[in-house]
N, C-alpha and C. Protein backbone atom coordinates (compact mmCIF):
# COMPACT_ATOMS: atom_id res chain seq x y z
N MET A 1 56.64 76.50 61.85
CA MET A 1 57.74 75.79 62.01
C MET A 1 57.84 74.25 61.39
N THR A 2 58.87 74.07 60.57
CA THR A 2 58.86 72.69 59.82
C THR A 2 59.42 71.65 60.69
N THR A 3 58.91 70.50 61.09
CA THR A 3 59.29 69.47 61.71
C THR A 3 59.74 68.10 60.72
N VAL A 4 60.94 67.78 61.26
CA VAL A 4 61.47 66.71 60.61
C VAL A 4 61.94 65.48 61.74
N SER A 5 61.43 64.37 61.30
CA SER A 5 61.67 63.28 62.44
C SER A 5 62.66 62.06 61.97
N ILE A 6 63.39 61.61 62.50
CA ILE A 6 64.36 60.72 61.98
C ILE A 6 63.84 59.62 62.92
N ILE A 7 63.55 58.35 62.24
CA ILE A 7 62.97 57.30 63.03
C ILE A 7 63.96 56.31 62.45
N HIS A 8 64.48 55.55 63.37
CA HIS A 8 65.51 54.64 63.31
C HIS A 8 65.42 53.55 64.16
N PHE A 9 66.10 52.44 63.83
CA PHE A 9 66.29 51.28 64.66
C PHE A 9 67.84 50.91 64.70
N SER A 10 68.55 50.83 65.73
CA SER A 10 70.06 50.45 66.05
C SER A 10 70.25 49.23 66.69
N GLY A 11 71.02 48.31 66.24
CA GLY A 11 71.33 46.87 66.68
C GLY A 11 72.61 47.18 67.83
N SER A 12 73.54 47.66 67.34
CA SER A 12 74.80 47.89 68.18
C SER A 12 75.03 49.30 68.45
N GLY A 13 74.27 50.33 68.05
CA GLY A 13 74.73 51.64 68.30
C GLY A 13 75.26 52.51 67.20
N HIS A 14 75.77 52.08 66.16
CA HIS A 14 76.32 52.55 64.85
C HIS A 14 75.31 53.42 64.34
N THR A 15 74.08 52.75 63.97
CA THR A 15 72.96 53.67 63.40
C THR A 15 72.55 54.84 64.07
N ARG A 16 72.60 54.43 65.52
CA ARG A 16 71.98 55.47 66.36
C ARG A 16 72.92 56.73 66.18
N LEU A 17 74.26 56.39 66.23
CA LEU A 17 75.28 57.49 66.14
C LEU A 17 75.22 58.22 64.57
N MET A 18 74.94 57.39 63.57
CA MET A 18 74.49 58.25 62.34
C MET A 18 73.20 58.91 62.54
N ALA A 19 72.13 58.49 63.16
CA ALA A 19 70.90 58.93 63.30
C ALA A 19 71.11 60.38 64.31
N GLU A 20 71.57 60.46 65.22
CA GLU A 20 72.32 61.50 65.87
C GLU A 20 73.00 62.69 65.16
N ALA A 21 73.75 62.24 64.04
CA ALA A 21 74.36 62.94 63.38
C ALA A 21 73.53 63.78 62.14
N VAL A 22 72.58 62.81 61.65
CA VAL A 22 71.44 63.42 60.90
C VAL A 22 70.57 64.54 61.67
N HIS A 23 70.17 64.12 62.70
CA HIS A 23 69.49 64.94 63.78
C HIS A 23 70.24 66.36 63.92
N ALA A 24 71.42 66.50 63.86
CA ALA A 24 72.35 67.67 64.33
C ALA A 24 72.18 68.35 63.10
N GLY A 25 72.22 67.79 61.95
CA GLY A 25 72.23 68.61 60.83
C GLY A 25 70.92 69.22 60.38
N VAL A 26 69.88 68.36 60.75
CA VAL A 26 68.40 68.73 60.76
C VAL A 26 68.26 69.82 61.71
N ALA A 27 68.70 69.95 62.93
CA ALA A 27 68.36 70.82 63.84
C ALA A 27 69.42 72.12 63.53
N SER A 28 70.36 72.10 62.60
CA SER A 28 71.15 73.29 62.32
C SER A 28 70.40 74.13 61.48
N VAL A 29 69.24 73.64 60.89
CA VAL A 29 68.52 74.56 59.72
C VAL A 29 67.52 75.45 60.39
N PRO A 30 67.55 76.92 60.12
CA PRO A 30 66.77 77.66 60.93
C PRO A 30 65.22 77.32 60.78
N ASP A 31 64.45 77.58 61.60
CA ASP A 31 62.98 77.10 61.40
C ASP A 31 62.73 75.73 61.44
N VAL A 32 63.62 75.05 61.79
CA VAL A 32 63.05 73.61 61.82
C VAL A 32 63.22 72.99 63.17
N THR A 33 62.28 72.06 63.73
CA THR A 33 62.25 71.32 64.70
C THR A 33 62.58 69.89 64.19
N ALA A 34 63.54 69.48 65.03
CA ALA A 34 64.15 67.89 64.64
C ALA A 34 63.75 67.01 65.65
N GLU A 35 63.41 65.86 65.67
CA GLU A 35 62.61 64.98 66.22
C GLU A 35 63.50 63.67 66.32
N LEU A 36 63.97 63.00 67.29
CA LEU A 36 64.89 61.90 66.97
C LEU A 36 63.88 60.72 67.53
N ILE A 37 63.59 59.51 67.11
CA ILE A 37 62.81 58.42 67.43
C ILE A 37 63.63 57.10 67.22
N ALA A 38 63.44 56.58 68.24
CA ALA A 38 64.25 55.13 68.28
C ALA A 38 63.26 54.11 68.12
N ILE A 39 63.31 53.16 67.39
CA ILE A 39 62.51 51.83 67.61
C ILE A 39 62.78 50.97 68.37
N GLN A 40 61.94 50.77 69.38
CA GLN A 40 62.33 49.85 70.57
C GLN A 40 61.82 48.31 70.19
N GLY A 41 62.66 47.62 70.78
CA GLY A 41 62.10 46.23 70.63
C GLY A 41 60.76 45.95 71.60
N LYS A 42 60.75 46.50 72.53
CA LYS A 42 59.62 46.29 73.53
C LYS A 42 58.12 46.91 72.96
N ASP A 43 58.37 47.55 71.71
CA ASP A 43 57.16 47.85 71.02
C ASP A 43 56.79 47.13 69.89
N ILE A 44 57.59 45.84 69.83
CA ILE A 44 57.40 45.01 69.02
C ILE A 44 56.81 43.67 69.74
N ILE A 45 55.31 43.48 69.47
CA ILE A 45 54.67 42.36 70.52
C ILE A 45 54.12 41.31 69.22
N GLU A 46 54.51 40.12 69.52
CA GLU A 46 54.25 38.91 68.77
C GLU A 46 54.60 39.24 67.10
N GLY A 47 55.71 40.11 66.92
CA GLY A 47 56.25 40.30 65.45
C GLY A 47 55.67 41.59 64.77
N ARG A 48 54.74 42.11 65.77
CA ARG A 48 54.19 43.27 65.05
C ARG A 48 54.54 44.51 65.96
N TYR A 49 54.74 45.67 65.29
CA TYR A 49 55.29 46.94 65.86
C TYR A 49 53.83 47.71 66.28
N LYS A 50 54.21 48.12 67.85
CA LYS A 50 52.59 48.83 68.19
C LYS A 50 53.12 49.96 68.98
N ASN A 51 53.09 51.17 68.54
CA ASN A 51 53.35 52.26 69.17
C ASN A 51 52.41 53.68 68.52
N GLU A 52 51.50 53.94 69.01
CA GLU A 52 50.61 55.04 68.49
C GLU A 52 51.09 56.36 68.59
N ALA A 53 51.88 56.37 69.89
CA ALA A 53 52.77 57.75 69.77
C ALA A 53 53.46 58.09 68.68
N VAL A 54 54.12 57.16 68.21
CA VAL A 54 55.35 57.28 67.34
C VAL A 54 54.48 57.61 65.95
N PHE A 55 53.33 56.93 65.62
CA PHE A 55 52.69 57.19 64.45
C PHE A 55 52.18 58.42 64.56
N ALA A 56 51.85 59.16 65.75
CA ALA A 56 51.16 60.48 66.00
C ALA A 56 52.13 61.30 65.86
N GLN A 57 53.32 61.54 66.08
CA GLN A 57 54.41 62.15 66.04
C GLN A 57 54.79 62.27 64.62
N LEU A 58 54.87 60.99 63.89
CA LEU A 58 55.16 61.06 62.53
C LEU A 58 53.79 61.86 61.53
N ALA A 59 52.81 61.68 62.06
CA ALA A 59 51.80 62.14 61.24
C ALA A 59 51.89 63.86 61.31
N LYS A 60 52.29 64.29 62.25
CA LYS A 60 52.63 66.03 62.59
C LYS A 60 53.93 66.35 61.81
N SER A 61 54.93 65.22 61.35
CA SER A 61 56.02 65.61 60.58
C SER A 61 55.89 66.13 59.40
N ASP A 62 56.78 67.05 58.81
CA ASP A 62 56.65 67.48 57.27
C ASP A 62 57.55 66.61 56.56
N ALA A 63 58.65 65.95 57.21
CA ALA A 63 59.65 65.26 56.48
C ALA A 63 59.83 63.86 57.68
N ILE A 64 60.16 62.83 57.06
CA ILE A 64 60.64 61.74 57.90
C ILE A 64 61.92 60.89 57.18
N ILE A 65 62.71 60.75 58.15
CA ILE A 65 64.17 60.33 57.48
C ILE A 65 64.06 58.90 58.24
N PHE A 66 64.26 57.54 57.57
CA PHE A 66 64.16 56.50 58.08
C PHE A 66 65.70 55.84 58.24
N GLY A 67 65.86 55.18 59.44
CA GLY A 67 67.57 54.97 59.52
C GLY A 67 67.38 53.17 60.00
N THR A 68 68.17 52.38 59.39
CA THR A 68 68.26 50.92 59.80
C THR A 68 69.57 50.34 59.45
N PRO A 69 70.15 49.49 60.39
CA PRO A 69 71.41 48.88 59.78
C PRO A 69 70.92 48.00 58.68
N THR A 70 72.10 47.79 57.94
CA THR A 70 71.88 46.56 56.86
C THR A 70 72.37 45.16 57.39
N TYR A 71 71.28 44.41 57.55
CA TYR A 71 71.57 42.81 58.05
C TYR A 71 71.27 41.92 57.08
N MET A 72 72.14 41.11 56.76
CA MET A 72 71.86 39.99 55.65
C MET A 72 71.32 40.38 54.45
N GLY A 73 71.70 41.90 53.98
CA GLY A 73 71.33 42.24 52.65
C GLY A 73 70.15 43.07 52.64
N GLY A 74 69.67 43.71 54.13
CA GLY A 74 68.33 44.28 53.82
C GLY A 74 68.34 44.98 55.20
N PRO A 75 67.14 45.72 55.25
CA PRO A 75 66.63 46.40 56.85
C PRO A 75 66.54 45.50 57.73
N ALA A 76 66.90 45.97 59.18
CA ALA A 76 66.75 45.10 60.25
C ALA A 76 65.21 44.74 60.46
N ALA A 77 65.06 43.38 61.02
CA ALA A 77 63.68 43.10 61.21
C ALA A 77 62.49 43.99 61.90
N GLN A 78 63.54 44.57 63.02
CA GLN A 78 62.86 45.58 63.75
C GLN A 78 62.35 46.85 62.92
N PHE A 79 63.15 47.26 62.07
CA PHE A 79 62.51 48.16 61.23
C PHE A 79 61.41 47.66 60.37
N LYS A 80 61.79 46.83 59.65
CA LYS A 80 60.52 46.24 58.79
C LYS A 80 59.33 46.07 59.59
N ALA A 81 59.22 45.46 60.87
CA ALA A 81 58.02 45.48 61.68
C ALA A 81 57.44 46.88 61.90
N PHE A 82 58.25 47.89 61.99
CA PHE A 82 57.62 49.00 61.92
C PHE A 82 57.05 49.51 60.56
N ALA A 83 57.76 49.29 59.69
CA ALA A 83 57.12 49.76 58.26
C ALA A 83 55.92 48.93 58.05
N ASP A 84 56.11 47.55 58.23
CA ASP A 84 54.84 46.69 58.02
C ASP A 84 53.62 47.34 58.83
N ALA A 85 53.86 47.93 59.97
CA ALA A 85 52.73 48.42 60.89
C ALA A 85 52.17 49.66 60.33
N ALA A 86 52.84 50.32 59.40
CA ALA A 86 52.35 51.65 58.80
C ALA A 86 51.31 51.44 57.77
N GLY A 87 50.69 50.05 57.65
CA GLY A 87 49.87 49.93 56.54
C GLY A 87 48.63 50.64 56.59
N MET A 88 48.34 50.96 57.79
CA MET A 88 46.76 51.76 57.81
C MET A 88 47.40 53.27 57.31
N VAL A 89 48.56 53.67 57.68
CA VAL A 89 48.85 55.08 57.28
C VAL A 89 48.93 54.97 55.69
N TRP A 90 49.50 54.00 55.16
CA TRP A 90 49.41 53.80 53.63
C TRP A 90 48.02 53.97 53.08
N PHE A 91 47.28 53.10 53.65
CA PHE A 91 45.79 53.30 53.12
C PHE A 91 44.93 54.57 53.37
N GLN A 92 45.50 55.35 54.33
CA GLN A 92 44.89 56.47 54.44
C GLN A 92 45.44 57.65 53.92
N GLN A 93 46.80 57.40 53.26
CA GLN A 93 47.71 58.16 52.49
C GLN A 93 47.92 59.35 53.63
N GLY A 94 48.55 58.83 54.73
CA GLY A 94 48.55 59.83 55.84
C GLY A 94 50.21 60.66 55.60
N TRP A 95 51.01 59.91 55.02
CA TRP A 95 52.38 60.25 54.52
C TRP A 95 52.68 60.88 53.43
N LYS A 96 51.31 60.79 52.48
CA LYS A 96 51.50 61.20 51.09
C LYS A 96 51.93 62.74 50.92
N ASN A 97 53.16 63.18 50.20
CA ASN A 97 53.72 64.29 50.06
C ASN A 97 54.50 64.75 50.92
N LYS A 98 54.64 63.97 51.83
CA LYS A 98 55.72 64.45 53.05
C LYS A 98 57.06 63.96 52.42
N VAL A 99 58.11 65.00 52.67
CA VAL A 99 59.44 64.32 52.25
C VAL A 99 59.81 63.50 53.08
N ALA A 100 60.95 62.59 52.37
CA ALA A 100 61.41 61.24 52.79
C ALA A 100 62.83 61.14 52.62
N GLY A 101 63.43 60.42 53.50
CA GLY A 101 64.78 60.10 53.24
C GLY A 101 65.37 58.97 54.10
N GLY A 102 66.51 58.31 53.79
CA GLY A 102 66.96 57.22 54.58
C GLY A 102 68.50 57.09 54.45
N PHE A 103 68.96 56.23 55.52
CA PHE A 103 70.20 55.93 55.70
C PHE A 103 70.48 54.69 56.28
N THR A 104 71.61 53.95 56.14
CA THR A 104 71.86 52.81 57.02
C THR A 104 73.50 52.64 57.00
N HIS A 105 73.65 51.52 57.96
CA HIS A 105 75.20 51.57 58.30
C HIS A 105 75.34 49.71 58.16
N SER A 106 76.68 49.18 58.07
CA SER A 106 76.96 47.97 58.20
C SER A 106 78.39 47.98 58.39
N SER A 107 78.94 46.65 58.47
CA SER A 107 80.17 46.59 59.27
C SER A 107 81.21 46.48 58.10
N SER A 108 80.71 46.34 56.73
CA SER A 108 81.70 46.21 55.56
C SER A 108 81.63 47.31 54.70
N PRO A 109 82.55 47.80 53.83
CA PRO A 109 82.53 48.74 53.03
C PRO A 109 81.06 48.68 51.86
N ASN A 110 80.94 47.65 51.46
CA ASN A 110 79.67 47.58 50.55
C ASN A 110 78.40 46.79 51.47
N GLY A 111 78.61 45.61 51.90
CA GLY A 111 77.60 45.05 52.69
C GLY A 111 76.26 45.00 52.08
N ASP A 112 76.24 45.34 50.69
CA ASP A 112 74.98 45.38 50.25
C ASP A 112 73.92 46.43 50.90
N LYS A 113 74.45 47.46 51.11
CA LYS A 113 73.73 48.48 51.73
C LYS A 113 72.82 49.29 50.84
N GLY A 114 73.22 49.05 49.43
CA GLY A 114 72.08 49.64 48.47
C GLY A 114 70.99 48.84 48.54
N THR A 115 71.01 47.67 48.84
CA THR A 115 69.60 47.16 49.00
C THR A 115 68.72 47.57 49.87
N THR A 116 69.36 47.87 51.19
CA THR A 116 68.55 48.53 52.14
C THR A 116 68.15 49.99 51.74
N LEU A 117 69.08 50.79 51.03
CA LEU A 117 68.39 52.04 50.75
C LEU A 117 67.36 51.89 49.79
N HIS A 118 67.51 51.12 48.84
CA HIS A 118 66.49 50.87 47.89
C HIS A 118 65.04 50.49 48.46
N TYR A 119 65.21 49.74 49.22
CA TYR A 119 64.00 48.99 50.36
C TYR A 119 63.35 50.40 50.87
N LEU A 120 64.45 51.22 51.40
CA LEU A 120 63.65 52.50 51.95
C LEU A 120 63.17 53.45 51.16
N SER A 121 63.63 53.52 49.88
CA SER A 121 62.88 54.57 48.82
C SER A 121 61.72 53.83 48.52
N VAL A 122 61.96 52.66 48.05
CA VAL A 122 60.72 52.13 47.61
C VAL A 122 59.35 51.97 48.75
N PHE A 123 59.70 51.97 49.85
CA PHE A 123 58.73 52.22 50.95
C PHE A 123 58.11 53.36 50.90
N ALA A 124 59.23 54.44 50.91
CA ALA A 124 58.64 55.81 50.92
C ALA A 124 57.80 56.28 49.61
N ALA A 125 58.08 55.44 48.22
CA ALA A 125 57.24 55.85 47.31
C ALA A 125 55.81 55.13 47.64
N GLN A 126 55.86 54.06 48.23
CA GLN A 126 54.61 53.27 48.12
C GLN A 126 53.71 54.13 49.21
N MET A 127 54.25 54.91 49.99
CA MET A 127 53.71 55.88 51.21
C MET A 127 53.42 57.16 50.48
N GLY A 128 53.94 57.38 49.02
CA GLY A 128 53.36 58.63 48.44
C GLY A 128 54.36 59.85 48.85
N MET A 129 55.54 59.47 49.18
CA MET A 129 56.28 60.43 49.84
C MET A 129 57.26 61.15 48.45
N LEU A 130 58.02 62.17 48.97
CA LEU A 130 59.02 62.37 47.86
C LEU A 130 60.53 62.29 48.52
N TRP A 131 61.26 61.60 47.85
CA TRP A 131 62.49 61.17 48.27
C TRP A 131 63.80 62.08 48.04
N VAL A 132 64.71 62.48 48.87
CA VAL A 132 65.68 63.22 48.98
C VAL A 132 66.92 62.43 48.95
N GLY A 133 67.76 62.08 47.86
CA GLY A 133 69.17 61.84 47.49
C GLY A 133 70.18 62.23 48.52
N ALA A 134 71.37 61.97 48.60
CA ALA A 134 72.31 62.37 49.29
C ALA A 134 72.96 63.64 48.92
N GLY A 135 73.29 63.61 47.49
CA GLY A 135 73.52 65.00 46.88
C GLY A 135 74.95 65.35 47.02
N GLU A 136 75.71 64.59 47.24
CA GLU A 136 77.05 64.82 47.72
C GLU A 136 78.28 64.08 46.86
N LEU A 137 79.03 64.61 46.21
CA LEU A 137 80.35 63.87 45.38
C LEU A 137 81.12 63.25 46.57
N PRO A 138 81.65 61.71 46.01
CA PRO A 138 82.49 61.28 47.08
C PRO A 138 83.83 61.94 47.16
N SER A 139 84.08 62.03 48.44
CA SER A 139 85.65 62.56 48.80
C SER A 139 86.51 61.88 48.13
N THR A 140 86.36 60.49 47.67
CA THR A 140 87.56 59.75 46.81
C THR A 140 88.03 60.61 45.68
N LEU A 141 87.19 61.38 45.11
CA LEU A 141 87.47 62.47 44.03
C LEU A 141 88.35 63.46 44.25
N ALA A 142 88.48 63.62 45.43
CA ALA A 142 89.70 64.47 46.07
C ALA A 142 90.82 63.90 46.78
N GLY A 143 90.81 62.62 46.51
CA GLY A 143 92.00 61.79 47.07
C GLY A 143 91.76 61.54 48.61
N LYS A 144 90.74 61.82 48.94
CA LYS A 144 90.42 61.36 50.54
C LYS A 144 89.87 60.25 50.65
N THR A 145 90.20 59.29 51.81
CA THR A 145 89.39 58.08 52.08
C THR A 145 88.55 58.40 53.29
N ASP A 146 88.51 59.36 53.93
CA ASP A 146 87.62 59.42 54.84
C ASP A 146 86.99 60.89 54.94
N GLY A 147 85.92 61.17 54.15
CA GLY A 147 85.26 62.54 53.87
C GLY A 147 83.87 62.28 53.63
N VAL A 148 83.36 63.62 53.37
CA VAL A 148 81.79 63.20 52.89
C VAL A 148 81.63 62.42 51.82
N ASN A 149 80.75 61.54 52.01
CA ASN A 149 80.42 60.50 51.11
C ASN A 149 81.15 59.37 50.63
N ARG A 150 82.36 59.15 51.42
CA ARG A 150 83.68 58.51 51.33
C ARG A 150 83.06 57.14 50.53
N LEU A 151 82.07 56.52 50.68
CA LEU A 151 81.51 55.13 50.22
C LEU A 151 80.70 55.20 49.01
N GLY A 152 80.66 56.81 48.52
CA GLY A 152 80.12 57.05 47.19
C GLY A 152 78.64 56.45 46.97
N SER A 153 77.91 56.74 47.98
CA SER A 153 76.31 56.22 47.91
C SER A 153 75.34 57.71 47.64
N TYR A 154 74.64 57.50 46.68
CA TYR A 154 73.87 58.68 46.32
C TYR A 154 72.40 58.75 46.75
N LEU A 155 71.95 57.43 46.95
CA LEU A 155 70.40 57.21 47.27
C LEU A 155 70.17 57.80 48.42
N GLY A 156 71.36 57.65 49.55
CA GLY A 156 71.15 58.13 50.74
C GLY A 156 72.49 57.91 51.37
N PRO A 157 72.84 58.44 52.61
CA PRO A 157 74.08 58.08 53.23
C PRO A 157 74.30 56.99 53.84
N THR A 158 75.46 56.17 53.83
CA THR A 158 75.87 54.99 54.13
C THR A 158 77.09 55.10 55.17
N GLY A 159 77.27 53.98 55.95
CA GLY A 159 78.31 54.31 56.88
C GLY A 159 78.82 52.72 57.18
N ALA A 160 80.05 52.65 57.29
CA ALA A 160 80.75 51.45 57.52
C ALA A 160 81.76 51.12 58.65
N THR A 161 81.75 50.38 59.67
CA THR A 161 82.58 50.06 60.37
C THR A 161 83.00 48.89 60.80
N PRO A 162 84.43 48.45 60.74
CA PRO A 162 84.67 46.83 60.87
C PRO A 162 84.07 46.62 62.26
N MET A 163 83.78 45.28 62.07
CA MET A 163 83.02 44.64 63.27
C MET A 163 84.24 44.49 64.44
N ASN A 164 83.87 44.96 65.51
CA ASN A 164 84.48 44.69 66.80
C ASN A 164 83.85 44.25 68.06
N PRO A 165 83.38 43.18 68.28
CA PRO A 165 82.19 42.71 69.02
C PRO A 165 82.78 43.11 70.64
N GLY A 166 81.80 43.56 70.98
CA GLY A 166 82.22 43.90 72.67
C GLY A 166 82.59 45.39 72.78
N ALA A 167 83.05 46.20 71.93
CA ALA A 167 83.48 47.42 71.61
C ALA A 167 82.49 48.36 71.55
N SER A 168 82.50 49.46 71.95
CA SER A 168 81.63 50.58 71.96
C SER A 168 81.52 50.93 70.47
N ALA A 169 80.36 51.47 70.26
CA ALA A 169 80.26 52.02 68.91
C ALA A 169 80.93 52.97 68.36
N VAL A 170 81.45 52.97 67.39
CA VAL A 170 82.16 54.26 66.74
C VAL A 170 81.81 54.25 65.16
N VAL A 171 81.61 55.39 64.56
CA VAL A 171 81.28 55.35 63.22
C VAL A 171 82.40 56.41 62.61
N GLU A 172 83.01 56.17 61.39
CA GLU A 172 83.83 56.96 60.87
C GLU A 172 83.57 58.34 60.69
N SER A 173 84.20 59.21 60.64
CA SER A 173 83.96 60.78 60.56
C SER A 173 83.31 61.13 59.34
N GLY A 174 83.97 60.63 58.45
CA GLY A 174 83.41 61.10 57.12
C GLY A 174 82.11 60.65 57.01
N ASP A 175 81.47 59.31 57.73
CA ASP A 175 80.18 59.03 57.65
C ASP A 175 79.17 59.68 58.47
N LEU A 176 79.69 60.06 59.44
CA LEU A 176 79.05 61.28 60.30
C LEU A 176 78.95 62.46 59.70
N LEU A 177 79.81 62.96 58.93
CA LEU A 177 79.95 64.19 58.18
C LEU A 177 78.70 64.23 57.13
N THR A 178 78.59 63.06 56.38
CA THR A 178 77.78 62.66 55.58
C THR A 178 76.44 62.86 55.96
N ALA A 179 76.05 62.14 57.22
CA ALA A 179 74.75 62.04 57.76
C ALA A 179 74.35 63.30 58.20
N GLN A 180 75.19 64.17 58.71
CA GLN A 180 74.85 65.64 59.07
C GLN A 180 74.68 66.50 57.91
N ALA A 181 75.45 66.41 56.81
CA ALA A 181 75.03 67.02 55.85
C ALA A 181 73.80 66.66 55.24
N TYR A 182 73.39 65.40 55.11
CA TYR A 182 72.07 64.86 54.72
C TYR A 182 70.92 65.40 55.25
N GLY A 183 71.21 65.42 56.73
CA GLY A 183 70.06 66.00 57.53
C GLY A 183 69.72 67.41 57.35
N GLN A 184 70.96 68.40 57.00
CA GLN A 184 70.71 69.74 56.57
C GLN A 184 69.86 69.77 55.20
N ARG A 185 70.23 68.82 54.26
CA ARG A 185 69.60 68.76 53.17
C ARG A 185 68.18 68.47 52.89
N VAL A 186 67.98 67.61 53.75
CA VAL A 186 66.31 66.96 53.77
C VAL A 186 65.47 68.21 54.58
N ALA A 187 66.10 68.84 55.66
CA ALA A 187 65.40 69.77 56.31
C ALA A 187 65.17 70.96 55.29
N ALA A 188 66.27 71.46 54.54
CA ALA A 188 66.20 72.60 53.75
C ALA A 188 65.03 72.47 52.74
N PHE A 189 65.11 71.12 52.21
CA PHE A 189 64.19 70.68 51.26
C PHE A 189 62.72 70.70 51.62
N ALA A 190 62.52 70.29 52.89
CA ALA A 190 61.27 70.66 53.53
C ALA A 190 60.72 71.84 53.83
N VAL A 191 61.61 72.58 54.16
CA VAL A 191 61.25 74.09 54.36
C VAL A 191 60.96 74.90 53.16
N LYS A 192 61.53 74.48 51.96
CA LYS A 192 61.03 75.02 50.72
C LYS A 192 59.67 74.62 50.25
N LEU A 193 59.74 73.41 50.70
CA LEU A 193 58.42 72.68 50.09
C LEU A 193 57.13 73.14 51.04
N ALA A 194 57.61 73.38 52.27
CA ALA A 194 56.35 73.97 52.99
C ALA A 194 55.87 75.55 52.77
N ARG A 195 56.73 76.14 52.09
CA ARG A 195 56.48 77.51 51.73
C ARG A 195 55.29 77.63 50.72
């Protein structure tokens, strides 16, 4: 059985909704176990992320998909604390040749989300992982404004929801479809690689 873990931080719930869609896509692939892991603020002590159970789960995974909101042109500090804590994994090459992917969300259509995806892909490369891109043409080619890859991101799925402080988190249906398709793509690639 191939295991794909989705580890994410979500500040206002939007990235969590995208992570759940990625998880659903992963879980739809036969012979794949999907694990959804949230980065919790309580695991960040004096600025350092500490959760050995999470790192143990990731060590058992064949693929890891990273998710974070884009804040101020980059990944959330909580996600960065997790990434920085992976230094020992890097030193031991613990994730080398695992499949990797990533996604992000912000409140504007651009929001410099590409910078966050670039960070995630470089992090994966430093860990010796094999990055999987989105692989979907934008729905705008068919004249749709809300469909798969509506924001035209190829490095990984992105989502954009206008800011509405105090309201429940909602993500555009096209962004959720993109996230789900991405979960399927990464999981299928992990299964092929595991053979």
